[in-house]
Amino acid sequence: MDAVGGGSGSPVADPSRCVIVAPEAVKIEAVSKVSALRKLGVVAQVAGRQAGRNRTLNAVMSGVRTTGRSIGRAAHQLWLEVIGLVFLLMALTFAGATVKEYGKYHSGGAGLGRFAVAICCTLTFAWFGLSSFWRARRKSPRP
């Protein structure tokens, strides 16, 4: 049999009989795909090893870490305060609904269940809002 599949009476167009690579050839293993995050991690490891040998790079990295930590703390405090404000605004909205439901309940137009749910929602969101501000105050640096 020749390399293109012709010979010994087989048709030339039969692709199942075509031999492109010799059967004794070593197969190439598939290259595993490495994610960009893993590549970045390897680069960071190599850079970290090199940084251990360079005082200037150590000083720069220390400054970057300190700045990042400071910005991270400020961002976290801002996040707590913004979320606290959102929860307090929602509690204020529920308080308005509670007043409406109380009026309906008092006049006999609605049951006690809706009024109780409005009170629970108001108190829950007020608690979330206040506790978020308390956490932000605990995390803030004291003068």
N, C-alpha and C. Protein backbone atom coordinates (compact mmCIF):
# COMPACT_ATOMS: atom_id res chain seq x y z
N MET A 1 0.85 -1.16 0.00
CA MET A 1 0.00 0.00 0.00
C MET A 1 0.89 1.22 0.00
N ASP A 2 0.57 2.19 -0.86
CA ASP A 2 1.39 3.38 -0.89
C ASP A 2 0.83 4.45 0.05
N ALA A 3 1.49 5.59 0.19
CA ALA A 3 1.17 6.60 1.20
C ALA A 3 -0.14 7.32 0.94
N VAL A 4 -0.64 7.32 -0.29
CA VAL A 4 -1.87 8.05 -0.57
C VAL A 4 -3.09 7.16 -0.59
N GLY A 5 -2.96 5.93 -0.29
CA GLY A 5 -4.12 5.08 -0.18
C GLY A 5 -4.40 4.28 -1.43
N GLY A 6 -3.71 4.50 -2.51
CA GLY A 6 -3.93 3.71 -3.72
C GLY A 6 -3.13 2.43 -3.63
N GLY A 7 -3.47 1.45 -4.30
CA GLY A 7 -2.71 0.20 -4.31
C GLY A 7 -3.54 -0.91 -3.72
N SER A 8 -3.19 -2.10 -4.06
CA SER A 8 -3.85 -3.34 -3.66
C SER A 8 -5.34 -3.27 -3.89
N GLY A 9 -5.76 -2.62 -4.96
CA GLY A 9 -7.14 -2.63 -5.39
C GLY A 9 -8.06 -1.70 -4.63
N SER A 10 -7.58 -0.88 -3.67
CA SER A 10 -8.48 0.02 -2.94
C SER A 10 -8.62 1.34 -3.70
N PRO A 11 -9.77 1.96 -3.60
CA PRO A 11 -9.95 3.23 -4.31
C PRO A 11 -9.09 4.33 -3.69
N VAL A 12 -8.67 5.25 -4.51
CA VAL A 12 -7.79 6.33 -4.07
C VAL A 12 -8.54 7.32 -3.19
N ALA A 13 -9.83 7.54 -3.36
CA ALA A 13 -10.59 8.54 -2.64
C ALA A 13 -11.05 8.07 -1.26
N ASP A 14 -10.72 6.87 -0.84
CA ASP A 14 -11.16 6.35 0.45
C ASP A 14 -10.30 6.97 1.57
N PRO A 15 -10.85 7.92 2.37
CA PRO A 15 -10.03 8.59 3.38
C PRO A 15 -9.70 7.69 4.56
N SER A 16 -10.47 6.64 4.80
CA SER A 16 -10.16 5.77 5.93
C SER A 16 -8.90 4.95 5.69
N ARG A 17 -8.47 4.85 4.45
CA ARG A 17 -7.29 4.05 4.13
C ARG A 17 -6.06 4.92 3.95
N CYS A 18 -6.20 6.25 3.98
CA CYS A 18 -5.05 7.15 3.81
C CYS A 18 -4.18 7.11 5.05
N VAL A 19 -2.89 7.04 4.83
CA VAL A 19 -1.94 7.06 5.92
C VAL A 19 -1.06 8.28 5.72
N ILE A 20 -1.19 9.23 6.66
CA ILE A 20 -0.38 10.44 6.54
C ILE A 20 0.88 10.30 7.37
N VAL A 21 0.76 9.72 8.55
CA VAL A 21 1.90 9.56 9.45
C VAL A 21 2.13 8.07 9.63
N ALA A 22 3.36 7.70 9.71
CA ALA A 22 3.70 6.30 9.90
C ALA A 22 3.19 5.84 11.27
N PRO A 23 2.69 4.62 11.38
CA PRO A 23 2.15 4.13 12.65
C PRO A 23 3.19 4.10 13.77
N GLU A 24 4.47 4.03 13.43
CA GLU A 24 5.52 3.97 14.44
C GLU A 24 5.89 5.34 14.98
N ALA A 25 5.34 6.38 14.40
CA ALA A 25 5.71 7.74 14.81
C ALA A 25 5.23 8.02 16.23
N VAL A 26 5.99 8.81 16.96
CA VAL A 26 5.64 9.17 18.32
C VAL A 26 4.55 10.24 18.26
N LYS A 27 3.51 10.01 19.05
CA LYS A 27 2.43 10.98 19.06
C LYS A 27 2.82 12.19 19.92
N ILE A 28 2.40 13.35 19.48
CA ILE A 28 2.66 14.56 20.24
C ILE A 28 1.51 14.75 21.21
N GLU A 29 1.84 14.89 22.47
CA GLU A 29 0.81 15.10 23.48
C GLU A 29 0.19 16.47 23.29
N ALA A 30 -1.08 16.58 23.58
CA ALA A 30 -1.77 17.86 23.46
C ALA A 30 -1.21 18.84 24.48
N VAL A 31 -1.01 20.05 24.07
CA VAL A 31 -0.50 21.07 24.97
C VAL A 31 -1.66 21.53 25.84
N SER A 32 -1.44 21.45 27.14
CA SER A 32 -2.53 21.87 28.02
C SER A 32 -2.65 23.39 27.99
N LYS A 33 -3.88 23.83 27.99
CA LYS A 33 -4.12 25.27 27.96
C LYS A 33 -3.97 25.82 29.37
N VAL A 34 -3.15 26.82 29.51
CA VAL A 34 -2.91 27.44 30.80
C VAL A 34 -3.64 28.77 30.81
N SER A 35 -4.39 29.02 31.87
CA SER A 35 -5.17 30.24 31.93
C SER A 35 -4.25 31.45 32.10
N ALA A 36 -4.77 32.59 31.72
CA ALA A 36 -4.01 33.83 31.84
C ALA A 36 -3.73 34.13 33.31
N LEU A 37 -4.64 33.76 34.18
CA LEU A 37 -4.44 34.00 35.60
C LEU A 37 -3.27 33.18 36.14
N ARG A 38 -3.15 31.94 35.68
CA ARG A 38 -2.03 31.11 36.12
C ARG A 38 -0.71 31.66 35.59
N LYS A 39 -0.72 32.12 34.34
CA LYS A 39 0.49 32.73 33.77
C LYS A 39 0.89 33.96 34.58
N LEU A 40 -0.11 34.77 34.94
CA LEU A 40 0.16 35.97 35.73
C LEU A 40 0.72 35.60 37.09
N GLY A 41 0.23 34.50 37.67
CA GLY A 41 0.75 34.04 38.95
C GLY A 41 2.20 33.62 38.86
N VAL A 42 2.56 32.94 37.77
CA VAL A 42 3.95 32.53 37.57
C VAL A 42 4.85 33.76 37.41
N VAL A 43 4.38 34.72 36.63
CA VAL A 43 5.15 35.96 36.45
C VAL A 43 5.33 36.66 37.79
N ALA A 44 4.29 36.69 38.61
CA ALA A 44 4.38 37.33 39.92
C ALA A 44 5.37 36.61 40.83
N GLN A 45 5.41 35.27 40.75
CA GLN A 45 6.36 34.51 41.55
C GLN A 45 7.79 34.83 41.15
N VAL A 46 8.02 34.86 39.85
CA VAL A 46 9.38 35.17 39.37
C VAL A 46 9.76 36.58 39.77
N ALA A 47 8.83 37.52 39.62
CA ALA A 47 9.12 38.91 40.00
C ALA A 47 9.36 39.00 41.50
N GLY A 48 8.63 38.21 42.29
CA GLY A 48 8.84 38.22 43.73
C GLY A 48 10.21 37.70 44.11
N ARG A 49 10.67 36.67 43.43
CA ARG A 49 12.02 36.15 43.71
C ARG A 49 13.08 37.17 43.35
N GLN A 50 12.88 37.85 42.24
CA GLN A 50 13.84 38.87 41.82
C GLN A 50 13.80 40.07 42.75
N ALA A 51 12.62 40.38 43.28
CA ALA A 51 12.49 41.53 44.17
C ALA A 51 13.25 41.32 45.46
N GLY A 52 13.39 40.09 45.89
CA GLY A 52 14.13 39.80 47.11
C GLY A 52 15.59 40.19 47.00
N ARG A 53 16.07 40.37 45.81
CA ARG A 53 17.48 40.69 45.59
C ARG A 53 17.73 42.17 45.34
N ASN A 54 16.65 42.95 45.17
CA ASN A 54 16.80 44.34 44.77
C ASN A 54 16.17 45.24 45.83
N ARG A 55 16.97 46.07 46.50
CA ARG A 55 16.48 46.93 47.57
C ARG A 55 15.51 47.99 47.06
N THR A 56 15.79 48.54 45.88
CA THR A 56 14.91 49.57 45.33
C THR A 56 13.55 48.98 45.03
N LEU A 57 13.53 47.81 44.42
CA LEU A 57 12.26 47.17 44.11
C LEU A 57 11.51 46.80 45.39
N ASN A 58 12.25 46.39 46.42
CA ASN A 58 11.62 46.10 47.71
C ASN A 58 10.95 47.34 48.28
N ALA A 59 11.62 48.48 48.19
CA ALA A 59 11.06 49.73 48.70
C ALA A 59 9.82 50.14 47.92
N VAL A 60 9.87 49.99 46.60
CA VAL A 60 8.72 50.33 45.76
C VAL A 60 7.54 49.42 46.09
N MET A 61 7.80 48.13 46.22
CA MET A 61 6.72 47.19 46.53
C MET A 61 6.12 47.46 47.91
N SER A 62 6.95 47.85 48.86
CA SER A 62 6.45 48.19 50.19
C SER A 62 5.54 49.42 50.11
N GLY A 63 5.94 50.39 49.32
CA GLY A 63 5.10 51.59 49.13
C GLY A 63 3.78 51.25 48.45
N VAL A 64 3.84 50.38 47.46
CA VAL A 64 2.61 49.97 46.76
C VAL A 64 1.67 49.23 47.71
N ARG A 65 2.24 48.34 48.54
CA ARG A 65 1.41 47.60 49.51
C ARG A 65 0.77 48.55 50.52
N THR A 66 1.54 49.50 51.02
CA THR A 66 1.01 50.44 52.01
C THR A 66 -0.08 51.30 51.41
N THR A 67 0.15 51.79 50.19
CA THR A 67 -0.85 52.62 49.52
C THR A 67 -2.11 51.81 49.23
N GLY A 68 -1.94 50.59 48.75
CA GLY A 68 -3.08 49.72 48.46
C GLY A 68 -3.89 49.42 49.71
N ARG A 69 -3.20 49.16 50.83
CA ARG A 69 -3.89 48.88 52.08
C ARG A 69 -4.69 50.10 52.53
N SER A 70 -4.09 51.28 52.40
CA SER A 70 -4.77 52.52 52.81
C SER A 70 -6.00 52.78 51.94
N ILE A 71 -5.85 52.62 50.63
CA ILE A 71 -6.97 52.83 49.71
C ILE A 71 -8.06 51.78 49.96
N GLY A 72 -7.65 50.56 50.23
CA GLY A 72 -8.61 49.49 50.50
C GLY A 72 -9.43 49.77 51.75
N ARG A 73 -8.77 50.27 52.80
CA ARG A 73 -9.51 50.60 54.03
C ARG A 73 -10.51 51.73 53.79
N ALA A 74 -10.05 52.76 53.07
CA ALA A 74 -10.94 53.88 52.78
C ALA A 74 -12.12 53.44 51.92
N ALA A 75 -11.86 52.60 50.94
CA ALA A 75 -12.92 52.11 50.06
C ALA A 75 -13.92 51.25 50.86
N HIS A 76 -13.41 50.44 51.79
CA HIS A 76 -14.29 49.60 52.59
C HIS A 76 -15.16 50.46 53.50
N GLN A 77 -14.57 51.49 54.09
CA GLN A 77 -15.36 52.38 54.94
C GLN A 77 -16.42 53.10 54.13
N LEU A 78 -16.05 53.57 52.94
CA LEU A 78 -17.02 54.23 52.08
C LEU A 78 -18.15 53.27 51.70
N TRP A 79 -17.80 52.02 51.40
CA TRP A 79 -18.79 51.01 51.06
C TRP A 79 -19.78 50.82 52.21
N LEU A 80 -19.27 50.70 53.44
CA LEU A 80 -20.15 50.52 54.59
C LEU A 80 -21.08 51.71 54.77
N GLU A 81 -20.57 52.91 54.57
CA GLU A 81 -21.40 54.10 54.75
C GLU A 81 -22.46 54.21 53.65
N VAL A 82 -22.09 53.91 52.41
CA VAL A 82 -23.06 53.98 51.31
C VAL A 82 -24.16 52.94 51.50
N ILE A 83 -23.78 51.73 51.85
CA ILE A 83 -24.76 50.67 52.08
C ILE A 83 -25.65 51.02 53.27
N GLY A 84 -25.07 51.61 54.31
CA GLY A 84 -25.86 52.05 55.46
C GLY A 84 -26.89 53.08 55.06
N LEU A 85 -26.49 54.02 54.20
CA LEU A 85 -27.42 55.04 53.73
C LEU A 85 -28.55 54.41 52.91
N VAL A 86 -28.21 53.46 52.05
CA VAL A 86 -29.23 52.79 51.24
C VAL A 86 -30.24 52.07 52.14
N PHE A 87 -29.74 51.36 53.14
CA PHE A 87 -30.65 50.65 54.04
C PHE A 87 -31.52 51.62 54.85
N LEU A 88 -30.93 52.73 55.28
CA LEU A 88 -31.74 53.69 56.03
C LEU A 88 -32.81 54.33 55.16
N LEU A 89 -32.48 54.59 53.89
CA LEU A 89 -33.50 55.12 52.97
C LEU A 89 -34.62 54.11 52.74
N MET A 90 -34.25 52.84 52.65
CA MET A 90 -35.27 51.80 52.50
C MET A 90 -36.13 51.71 53.77
N ALA A 91 -35.49 51.85 54.94
CA ALA A 91 -36.24 51.83 56.19
C ALA A 91 -37.21 53.01 56.24
N LEU A 92 -36.78 54.15 55.73
CA LEU A 92 -37.66 55.33 55.70
C LEU A 92 -38.87 55.07 54.79
N THR A 93 -38.62 54.41 53.66
CA THR A 93 -39.71 54.05 52.75
C THR A 93 -40.68 53.09 53.43
N PHE A 94 -40.14 52.10 54.11
CA PHE A 94 -41.00 51.15 54.83
C PHE A 94 -41.74 51.83 55.97
N ALA A 95 -41.13 52.85 56.59
CA ALA A 95 -41.81 53.57 57.66
C ALA A 95 -43.04 54.29 57.11
N GLY A 96 -42.91 54.85 55.91
CA GLY A 96 -44.07 55.47 55.27
C GLY A 96 -45.17 54.45 55.01
N ALA A 97 -44.77 53.28 54.56
CA ALA A 97 -45.76 52.21 54.32
C ALA A 97 -46.38 51.75 55.63
N THR A 98 -45.59 51.75 56.70
CA THR A 98 -46.11 51.36 58.01
C THR A 98 -47.18 52.33 58.47
N VAL A 99 -46.95 53.62 58.26
CA VAL A 99 -47.94 54.62 58.65
C VAL A 99 -49.23 54.42 57.85
N LYS A 100 -49.09 54.15 56.55
CA LYS A 100 -50.28 53.90 55.72
C LYS A 100 -51.04 52.67 56.21
N GLU A 101 -50.31 51.60 56.47
CA GLU A 101 -50.94 50.36 56.91
C GLU A 101 -51.60 50.53 58.28
N TYR A 102 -50.99 51.35 59.13
CA TYR A 102 -51.60 51.59 60.44
C TYR A 102 -52.95 52.30 60.26
N GLY A 103 -52.97 53.27 59.34
CA GLY A 103 -54.24 53.96 59.06
C GLY A 103 -55.30 53.00 58.56
N LYS A 104 -54.91 52.10 57.67
CA LYS A 104 -55.87 51.11 57.15
C LYS A 104 -56.31 50.15 58.25
N TYR A 105 -55.34 49.73 59.08
CA TYR A 105 -55.66 48.79 60.16
C TYR A 105 -56.58 49.45 61.18
N HIS A 106 -56.29 50.69 61.52
CA HIS A 106 -57.07 51.40 62.53
C HIS A 106 -58.52 51.64 62.05
N SER A 107 -58.67 51.86 60.76
CA SER A 107 -60.03 52.08 60.23
C SER A 107 -60.74 50.78 59.92
N GLY A 108 -60.04 49.66 60.03
CA GLY A 108 -60.66 48.36 59.79
C GLY A 108 -60.59 47.92 58.34
N GLY A 109 -59.84 48.63 57.50
CA GLY A 109 -59.75 48.29 56.09
C GLY A 109 -58.72 47.22 55.77
N ALA A 110 -57.82 46.92 56.69
CA ALA A 110 -56.79 45.90 56.43
C ALA A 110 -56.56 45.11 57.71
N GLY A 111 -55.96 43.94 57.54
CA GLY A 111 -55.70 43.07 58.68
C GLY A 111 -54.42 43.45 59.40
N LEU A 112 -54.21 42.78 60.52
CA LEU A 112 -53.04 43.02 61.34
C LEU A 112 -51.76 42.51 60.67
N GLY A 113 -51.86 41.51 59.81
CA GLY A 113 -50.68 40.89 59.17
C GLY A 113 -49.87 41.87 58.35
N ARG A 114 -50.53 42.65 57.51
CA ARG A 114 -49.81 43.62 56.66
C ARG A 114 -49.13 44.69 57.50
N PHE A 115 -49.78 45.12 58.54
CA PHE A 115 -49.20 46.12 59.44
C PHE A 115 -47.97 45.54 60.14
N ALA A 116 -48.06 44.29 60.58
CA ALA A 116 -46.94 43.64 61.27
C ALA A 116 -45.75 43.45 60.32
N VAL A 117 -46.02 43.08 59.07
CA VAL A 117 -44.94 42.91 58.09
C VAL A 117 -44.25 44.25 57.82
N ALA A 118 -45.03 45.32 57.71
CA ALA A 118 -44.45 46.65 57.47
C ALA A 118 -43.57 47.07 58.65
N ILE A 119 -44.01 46.79 59.86
CA ILE A 119 -43.19 47.13 61.04
C ILE A 119 -41.89 46.32 61.03
N CYS A 120 -41.99 45.02 60.74
CA CYS A 120 -40.79 44.17 60.72
C CYS A 120 -39.80 44.63 59.67
N CYS A 121 -40.29 44.97 58.49
CA CYS A 121 -39.40 45.44 57.42
C CYS A 121 -38.73 46.76 57.81
N THR A 122 -39.48 47.66 58.40
CA THR A 122 -38.92 48.94 58.83
C THR A 122 -37.82 48.73 59.86
N LEU A 123 -38.09 47.92 60.87
CA LEU A 123 -37.10 47.69 61.92
C LEU A 123 -35.88 46.95 61.40
N THR A 124 -36.09 45.98 60.52
CA THR A 124 -34.97 45.20 59.97
C THR A 124 -34.04 46.09 59.16
N PHE A 125 -34.59 46.88 58.25
CA PHE A 125 -33.74 47.72 57.42
C PHE A 125 -33.10 48.85 58.22
N ALA A 126 -33.79 49.35 59.23
CA ALA A 126 -33.18 50.36 60.10
C ALA A 126 -31.99 49.76 60.86
N TRP A 127 -32.15 48.51 61.31
CA TRP A 127 -31.04 47.84 62.00
C TRP A 127 -29.85 47.63 61.06
N PHE A 128 -30.11 47.17 59.84
CA PHE A 128 -29.03 46.97 58.88
C PHE A 128 -28.30 48.28 58.62
N GLY A 129 -29.05 49.36 58.43
CA GLY A 129 -28.44 50.66 58.15
C GLY A 129 -27.59 51.16 59.31
N LEU A 130 -28.15 51.11 60.51
CA LEU A 130 -27.41 51.59 61.68
C LEU A 130 -26.18 50.73 61.97
N SER A 131 -26.31 49.41 61.84
CA SER A 131 -25.16 48.54 62.11
C SER A 131 -24.05 48.75 61.08
N SER A 132 -24.42 49.09 59.86
CA SER A 132 -23.41 49.38 58.84
C SER A 132 -22.63 50.64 59.21
N PHE A 133 -23.33 51.67 59.68
CA PHE A 133 -22.63 52.88 60.13
C PHE A 133 -21.78 52.61 61.36
N TRP A 134 -22.24 51.75 62.28
CA TRP A 134 -21.45 51.42 63.46
C TRP A 134 -20.17 50.69 63.07
N ARG A 135 -20.27 49.80 62.10
CA ARG A 135 -19.07 49.10 61.62
C ARG A 135 -18.09 50.07 60.99
N ALA A 136 -18.61 51.00 60.20
CA ALA A 136 -17.73 51.99 59.56
C ALA A 136 -17.03 52.84 60.62
N ARG A 137 -17.74 53.17 61.68
CA ARG A 137 -17.14 53.98 62.74
C ARG A 137 -16.06 53.18 63.48
N ARG A 138 -16.29 51.89 63.70
CA ARG A 138 -15.29 51.05 64.37
C ARG A 138 -14.02 50.93 63.54
N LYS A 139 -14.17 50.86 62.21
CA LYS A 139 -13.02 50.66 61.34
C LYS A 139 -12.26 51.95 61.06
N SER A 140 -12.86 53.10 61.34
CA SER A 140 -12.19 54.37 61.04
C SER A 140 -11.06 54.60 62.03
N PRO A 141 -9.97 55.20 61.55
CA PRO A 141 -8.85 55.46 62.48
C PRO A 141 -9.23 56.55 63.47
N ARG A 142 -8.86 56.37 64.69
CA ARG A 142 -9.17 57.33 65.76
C ARG A 142 -8.09 58.43 65.77
N PRO A 143 -8.51 59.70 65.86
CA PRO A 143 -7.51 60.78 65.90
C PRO A 143 -6.83 60.87 67.26
